[in-house]
C-alpha cells in the first residue's frame, strides 16, 4: 500500500525539480530531505552547479497576502549576504528570489551553508561571542540607514496591556476547563502571576527596528567555535531588535532549567562591539520576548506539542518564574 504523504512529497519534489531545471537552468543530481522547520519542505540538493538548499513554502502556512513581506525579507537576506553577513544567498531568476512552479508552488533555492546545529547545553563562550558579534553587525546594517530599508508605521508586535493579557489567560483557563485539562492549570497560573508583576513601563522603552525575528538554535550553524551561518530570514520585519537578542540568549544560554550568565555575557561582549546595547536593555529585552511569546506557547493543546514548542514553553516558564529578578536586573 502506498503512503499518501510520501507520494505527495515525491510528486512535489519532481514538480520543483522540473521547474528548477526549466527556469533556473540547474540540474538536480541528488536530493536529501531536511527534516527541520514547520510545514515548509526542504531538501539539500546536489546540482551541476554545486550544493544548494531547495525550500518550498507551504500553502497552509503562507496566505497570498503573506508573500509581499516574504519577498522583501528574502531580498534583504541577499543584501545582508552581500554585506558579509554569514547567511545563504538565494538564486535569482528574472530579478526575483521567490519562484513559482507550474502548479503554483512557491519555492526558493539558496546556497548550502556548512556547519552544525549545536543544541543548548553544548554551546561554549566562543560560540556566543561570535553569534553576538554577527547579530550586532546584522542589526547595524539593518538599522543604520545604509541599506535603505522601507518605512514602517509600527512594529509587528503591539504589546498588550496587563488587563488585556489577563483577559487572554482567562480565556485559556476556560478552554482548559472545557476540555477537562485542569492538570495544565498550574502552568497557566505561573503566567498569570507573571502578568500581574511584569514591569511594562521598562519593557515599553524597547526601541523598534528591523530584526530577524527567529534567531534560535535551529536557525544557527556553527563550525568549530565560530558561527558559520544564520538561517531562515523569512520572518524578518520591522519589530524589536532587542527581542532578537533575548531570543538568541534564551535559546543558547538556557539549558536544564538554568540560565548560563557566562554565555550571555560572551554574546553581549560580541554584540556591543558592533551595535549599542546598554545594560538596561537586557532586562527590557527579556521582558519583551516574554510578553510577545508567552501566549504563543501556553494554550489548551500544549500537552500534545512537539519538541520545539515544549522547549519554548520551558523558556517561557523560566521567564515567568524570574520576572522580578529580570525587571530589577539582578539575575545577571
Protein backbone atom coordinates (compact mmCIF):
# COMPACT_ATOMS: atom_id res chain seq x y z
CA UNK A 1 0.00 0.00 0.00
CA UNK A 2 1.38 3.41 -0.94
CA UNK A 3 1.89 6.17 1.60
CA UNK A 4 -0.15 9.25 0.51
CA UNK A 5 2.13 11.65 2.40
CA UNK A 6 5.25 10.20 0.81
CA UNK A 7 3.56 10.12 -2.60
CA UNK A 8 2.64 13.81 -2.27
CA UNK A 9 6.18 14.74 -1.23
CA UNK A 10 7.65 12.84 -4.18
CA UNK A 11 5.23 14.50 -6.61
CA UNK A 12 6.01 17.91 -5.13
CA UNK A 13 9.75 17.32 -5.43
CA UNK A 14 9.50 16.18 -9.07
CA UNK A 15 7.49 19.30 -9.90
CA UNK A 16 10.04 21.58 -8.23
CA UNK A 17 12.91 19.65 -9.82
CA UNK A 18 11.47 20.28 -13.29
CA UNK A 19 10.90 23.96 -12.55
CA UNK A 20 14.46 24.37 -11.22
CA UNK A 21 15.74 22.92 -14.49
CA UNK A 22 13.43 24.98 -16.74
CA UNK A 23 13.64 28.37 -15.01
CA UNK A 24 16.94 28.35 -13.13
CA UNK A 25 18.93 26.22 -15.54
CA UNK A 26 20.09 23.88 -12.78
CA UNK A 27 20.03 20.08 -12.98
CA UNK A 28 19.37 18.34 -9.67
CA UNK A 29 21.55 15.23 -9.44
CA UNK A 30 20.76 14.13 -5.90
CA UNK A 31 18.46 15.27 -3.09
CA UNK A 32 18.12 14.54 0.63
CA UNK A 33 15.13 15.83 2.67
CA UNK A 34 15.89 18.20 5.55
CA UNK A 35 13.50 17.44 8.40
CA UNK A 36 13.57 20.82 10.12
CA UNK A 37 11.03 23.63 10.04
CA UNK A 38 7.28 23.94 10.31
CA UNK A 39 5.19 22.82 7.27
CA UNK A 40 7.66 24.13 4.69
CA UNK A 41 9.58 21.35 2.95
CA UNK A 42 13.34 21.48 2.33
CA UNK A 43 15.90 19.37 0.52
CA UNK A 44 19.66 19.52 0.32
CA UNK A 45 20.28 19.22 -3.42
CA UNK A 46 23.41 18.45 -5.40
CA UNK A 47 23.28 20.11 -8.80
CA UNK A 48 25.52 20.58 -11.80
CA UNK A 49 26.40 23.96 -10.23
CA UNK A 50 27.15 22.76 -6.71
CA UNK A 51 25.26 22.16 -3.46
CA UNK A 52 22.12 24.14 -2.60
CA UNK A 53 19.00 24.02 -0.44
CA UNK A 54 15.60 23.83 -2.12
CA UNK A 55 12.80 25.23 0.05
CA UNK A 56 9.08 25.03 -0.67
CA UNK A 57 6.75 27.48 1.10
CA UNK A 58 3.66 25.74 2.43
CA UNK A 59 0.29 26.97 1.22
CA UNK A 60 -1.07 26.03 4.65
CA UNK A 61 1.38 28.39 6.32
CA UNK A 62 1.52 31.27 3.82
CA UNK A 63 -1.58 33.03 2.58
CA UNK A 64 -1.39 35.08 -0.58
CA UNK A 65 -1.11 38.33 1.37
CA UNK A 66 1.97 36.98 3.20
CA UNK A 67 4.14 36.86 0.10
CA UNK A 68 4.97 40.57 -0.33
CA UNK A 69 6.59 40.58 3.14
CA UNK A 70 8.35 37.30 2.36
CA UNK A 71 9.69 38.74 -0.90
CA UNK A 72 11.05 41.74 0.97
CA UNK A 73 12.65 39.54 3.64
CA UNK A 74 14.40 37.33 1.08
CA UNK A 75 15.71 40.28 -0.92
CA UNK A 76 17.06 41.72 2.35
CA UNK A 77 18.74 38.39 3.10
CA UNK A 78 20.64 38.64 -0.19
CA UNK A 79 21.66 42.22 0.57
CA UNK A 80 22.93 41.15 4.01
CA UNK A 81 24.88 38.35 2.35
CA UNK A 82 26.44 40.90 0.02
CA UNK A 83 27.47 42.93 3.08
CA UNK A 84 29.31 39.91 4.50
CA UNK A 85 26.71 38.55 6.95
CA UNK A 86 27.10 34.74 7.03
CA UNK A 87 23.80 33.60 5.54
CA UNK A 88 22.67 31.71 2.43
CA UNK A 89 22.44 33.53 -0.91
CA UNK A 90 19.21 32.98 -2.85
CA UNK A 91 19.47 32.13 -6.53
CA UNK A 92 17.69 34.75 -8.63
CA UNK A 93 15.76 34.40 -11.87
CA UNK A 94 14.17 37.31 -13.71
CA UNK A 95 15.31 39.53 -10.82
CA UNK A 96 13.30 37.53 -8.27
CA UNK A 97 14.30 35.36 -5.31
CA UNK A 98 10.93 33.60 -4.97
CA UNK A 99 9.95 31.27 -7.79
CA UNK A 100 6.63 29.66 -8.78
CA UNK A 101 6.17 26.20 -10.28
CA UNK A 102 3.66 25.30 -12.98
CA UNK A 103 1.25 24.10 -10.28
CA UNK A 104 1.62 27.28 -8.24
CA UNK A 105 4.09 26.08 -5.61
CA UNK A 106 6.36 28.87 -4.38
CA UNK A 107 9.96 27.98 -3.62
CA UNK A 108 13.48 29.33 -3.31
CA UNK A 109 16.92 27.89 -3.99
CA UNK A 110 19.77 29.05 -1.80
CA UNK A 111 23.43 28.22 -1.31
CA UNK A 112 24.16 25.38 1.08
CA UNK A 113 25.96 26.53 4.23
CA UNK A 114 28.28 24.16 6.04
CA UNK A 115 28.15 23.83 9.79
CA UNK A 116 26.25 22.14 12.60
CA UNK A 117 23.28 22.99 14.78
CA UNK A 118 24.55 22.99 18.37
CA UNK A 119 21.87 22.31 20.93
CA UNK A 120 21.54 24.24 24.22
CA UNK A 121 23.86 22.87 26.86
CA UNK A 122 26.63 22.20 24.34
CA UNK A 123 27.40 25.78 23.30
CA UNK A 124 30.53 27.48 24.61
CA UNK A 125 31.56 31.09 25.16
CA UNK A 126 33.29 31.42 21.77
CA UNK A 127 30.10 30.31 20.02
CA UNK A 128 28.14 33.01 21.82
CA UNK A 129 30.75 35.70 21.31
CA UNK A 130 30.76 35.19 17.54
CA UNK A 131 26.98 34.90 17.40
CA UNK A 132 26.69 38.17 19.32
CA UNK A 133 29.17 39.89 17.03
CA UNK A 134 27.38 38.85 13.85
CA UNK A 135 23.95 39.61 15.33
CA UNK A 136 25.12 43.11 16.26
CA UNK A 137 26.56 43.68 12.80
CA UNK A 138 23.34 42.44 11.18
CA UNK A 139 21.28 44.82 13.33
CA UNK A 140 23.65 47.68 12.47
CA UNK A 141 23.30 47.12 8.74
CA UNK A 142 19.52 46.78 9.01
CA UNK A 143 19.04 49.93 11.08
CA UNK A 144 21.80 52.45 10.29
CA UNK A 145 20.19 53.69 7.07
CA UNK A 146 22.86 52.23 4.79
CA UNK A 147 20.50 49.60 3.32
CA UNK A 148 17.59 51.99 2.68
CA UNK A 149 15.05 49.77 4.45
CA UNK A 150 11.44 50.80 3.78
CA UNK A 151 9.47 52.99 6.17
CA UNK A 152 7.20 51.08 8.53
CA UNK A 153 4.36 52.69 10.50
CA UNK A 154 4.66 50.45 13.57
CA UNK A 155 6.34 47.27 14.82
CA UNK A 156 4.80 43.87 14.14
CA UNK A 157 4.22 43.29 17.85
CA UNK A 158 1.98 45.75 19.65
CA UNK A 159 2.36 44.92 23.37
CA UNK A 160 -0.99 44.31 25.08
CA UNK A 161 -1.80 45.89 28.42
CA UNK A 162 -1.80 43.84 31.58
CA UNK A 163 -5.61 43.88 31.57
CA UNK A 164 -5.68 42.54 28.01
CA UNK A 165 -3.22 39.77 28.85
CA UNK A 166 -5.20 38.81 31.95
CA UNK A 167 -8.34 38.50 29.79
CA UNK A 168 -6.37 36.26 27.46
CA UNK A 169 -5.32 33.99 30.32
CA UNK A 170 -8.95 33.89 31.48
CA UNK A 171 -9.95 32.62 28.01
CA UNK A 172 -7.20 29.98 28.13
CA UNK A 173 -8.41 28.86 31.55
CA UNK A 174 -11.97 28.45 30.25
CA UNK A 175 -10.65 26.38 27.34
CA UNK A 176 -8.62 24.18 29.67
CA UNK A 177 -11.62 23.57 31.89
CA UNK A 178 -13.96 22.91 28.97
CA UNK A 179 -11.53 20.29 27.64
CA UNK A 180 -11.01 18.73 31.08
CA UNK A 181 -7.33 19.62 31.09
CA UNK A 182 -7.22 21.00 34.60
CA UNK A 183 -3.80 19.39 35.16
CA UNK A 184 -2.42 22.23 32.99
CA UNK A 185 -3.88 24.97 35.18
CA UNK A 186 -0.73 25.27 37.38
CA UNK A 187 1.25 26.17 34.23
CA UNK A 188 -1.27 28.87 33.43
CA UNK A 189 -1.17 30.24 36.97
CA UNK A 190 2.60 30.85 36.71
CA UNK A 191 1.96 33.11 33.74
CA UNK A 192 -0.99 34.85 35.34
CA UNK A 193 1.25 35.68 38.30
CA UNK A 194 3.96 36.99 35.95
CA UNK A 195 1.45 39.17 34.10
CA UNK A 196 0.43 40.78 37.38
CA UNK A 197 4.05 41.70 38.19
CA UNK A 198 5.62 42.50 34.83
CA UNK A 199 7.33 45.89 34.53
CA UNK A 200 5.56 47.17 31.42
CA UNK A 201 6.98 50.74 31.60
CA UNK A 202 10.51 49.30 31.42
CA UNK A 203 9.61 46.92 28.57
CA UNK A 204 7.95 49.68 26.55
CA UNK A 205 11.26 51.57 26.40
CA UNK A 206 12.45 49.00 23.82
CA UNK A 207 13.34 50.65 20.52
CA UNK A 208 11.69 49.47 17.34
CA UNK A 209 13.77 48.49 14.32
CA UNK A 210 14.41 45.82 11.72
CA UNK A 211 15.04 42.36 13.15
CA UNK A 212 15.47 38.71 12.12
CA UNK A 213 12.63 37.61 14.46
CA UNK A 214 13.53 33.90 14.52
CA UNK A 215 17.03 33.80 15.99
CA UNK A 216 17.10 30.44 17.77
CA UNK A 217 19.40 27.41 17.75
CA UNK A 218 17.76 25.57 14.84
CA UNK A 219 18.46 28.61 12.64
CA UNK A 220 22.14 28.85 13.57
CA UNK A 221 25.08 26.85 12.22
CA UNK A 222 28.49 26.65 13.87
CA UNK A 223 31.83 25.33 12.62
CA UNK A 224 34.30 24.59 15.42
CA UNK A 225 33.88 27.55 17.83
CA UNK A 226 32.54 30.07 15.31
CA UNK A 227 29.20 30.94 13.77
CA UNK A 228 29.11 29.78 10.16
CA UNK A 229 25.59 30.80 9.15
CA UNK A 230 22.37 32.49 10.24
CA UNK A 231 19.43 30.78 8.51
CA UNK A 232 15.74 31.39 7.81
CA UNK A 233 15.17 35.11 7.31
CA UNK A 234 11.54 34.51 6.31
CA UNK A 235 10.14 36.41 9.31
CA UNK A 236 12.45 39.44 9.01
CA UNK A 237 10.32 42.54 9.62
CA UNK A 238 10.23 45.86 11.44
CA UNK A 239 9.80 44.93 15.09
CA UNK A 240 12.26 44.92 18.05
CA UNK A 241 15.96 44.08 17.54
CA UNK A 242 16.29 43.71 21.31
CA UNK A 243 13.85 40.79 21.13
CA UNK A 244 16.29 39.12 18.71
CA UNK A 245 18.94 39.42 21.43
CA UNK A 246 16.63 37.92 24.04
CA UNK A 247 15.53 35.10 21.71
CA UNK A 248 19.17 34.17 20.99
CA UNK A 249 20.07 34.31 24.69
CA UNK A 250 17.18 32.12 25.81
CA UNK A 251 17.79 29.62 23.01
CA UNK A 252 21.54 29.39 23.56
CA UNK A 253 22.06 30.07 27.27
CA UNK A 254 19.13 28.25 28.88
CA UNK A 255 19.53 24.51 29.46
CA UNK A 256 18.20 22.06 32.06
CA UNK A 257 16.35 24.78 33.91
CA UNK A 258 19.39 27.05 34.28
CA UNK A 259 20.33 30.28 32.50
CA UNK A 260 24.11 30.44 31.94
CA UNK A 261 25.12 34.05 32.57
CA UNK A 262 28.69 33.50 31.39
CA UNK A 263 27.39 32.54 27.93
CA UNK A 264 25.05 35.54 27.94
CA UNK A 265 27.94 37.87 28.78
CA UNK A 266 30.01 36.38 25.94
CA UNK A 267 27.17 37.11 23.49
CA UNK A 268 26.76 40.67 24.77
CA UNK A 269 30.51 41.31 24.55
CA UNK A 270 30.49 40.45 20.86
CA UNK A 271 27.22 42.28 20.21
CA UNK A 272 28.38 45.52 21.81
CA UNK A 273 31.47 45.58 19.62
CA UNK A 274 29.10 46.07 16.66
CA UNK A 275 25.92 47.73 17.94
CA UNK A 276 24.92 49.63 21.10
CA UNK A 277 23.25 47.67 23.88
CA UNK A 278 23.16 49.42 27.23
CA UNK A 279 22.88 47.47 30.48
CA UNK A 280 19.19 48.30 30.99
CA UNK A 281 18.41 46.91 27.53
CA UNK A 282 18.92 43.35 28.74
CA UNK A 283 16.02 43.14 31.24
CA UNK A 284 13.65 45.00 28.94
CA UNK A 285 14.59 42.73 26.01
CA UNK A 286 13.78 39.62 28.03
CA UNK A 287 10.53 41.16 29.21
CA UNK A 288 9.65 41.99 25.59
CA UNK A 289 10.39 38.43 24.46
CA UNK A 290 8.28 37.02 27.28
CA UNK A 291 5.34 39.33 26.68
CA UNK A 292 5.49 38.61 22.94
CA UNK A 293 5.83 34.83 23.01
CA UNK A 294 4.12 33.53 26.16
CA UNK A 295 0.68 33.42 24.57
CA UNK A 296 2.09 31.53 21.54
CA UNK A 297 3.18 28.54 23.61
CA UNK A 298 0.70 28.48 26.54
CA UNK A 299 -2.61 27.20 25.22
CA UNK A 300 -5.12 24.39 25.56
CA UNK A 301 -3.22 22.00 23.26
CA UNK A 302 0.21 22.44 24.85
CA UNK A 303 0.13 18.89 26.27
CA UNK A 304 0.36 17.46 22.74
CA UNK A 305 3.12 19.72 21.40
CA UNK A 306 6.24 18.50 19.59
CA UNK A 307 9.80 19.16 20.75
CA UNK A 308 10.35 22.82 19.75
CA UNK A 309 7.14 24.12 21.37
CA UNK A 310 7.97 22.17 24.54
CA UNK A 311 11.37 23.85 24.60
CA UNK A 312 9.82 27.30 24.10
CA UNK A 313 7.24 26.61 26.80
CA UNK A 314 10.04 25.76 29.25
CA UNK A 315 11.77 29.04 28.38
CA UNK A 316 8.56 30.98 28.95
CA UNK A 317 8.04 29.25 32.31
CA UNK A 318 11.56 30.21 33.43
CA UNK A 319 10.98 33.82 32.40
CA UNK A 320 7.65 33.87 34.22
CA UNK A 321 9.21 32.48 37.41
CA UNK A 322 12.05 35.05 37.32
CA UNK A 323 10.06 38.09 36.26
CA UNK A 324 11.01 40.07 39.39
CA UNK A 325 14.76 39.44 39.07
CA UNK A 326 14.61 40.25 35.36
CA UNK A 327 12.77 43.52 35.98
CA UNK A 328 15.29 44.77 38.53
CA UNK A 329 18.31 43.43 36.64
CA UNK A 330 19.53 41.21 39.47
CA UNK A 331 19.52 37.91 37.57
CA UNK A 332 22.72 38.71 35.63
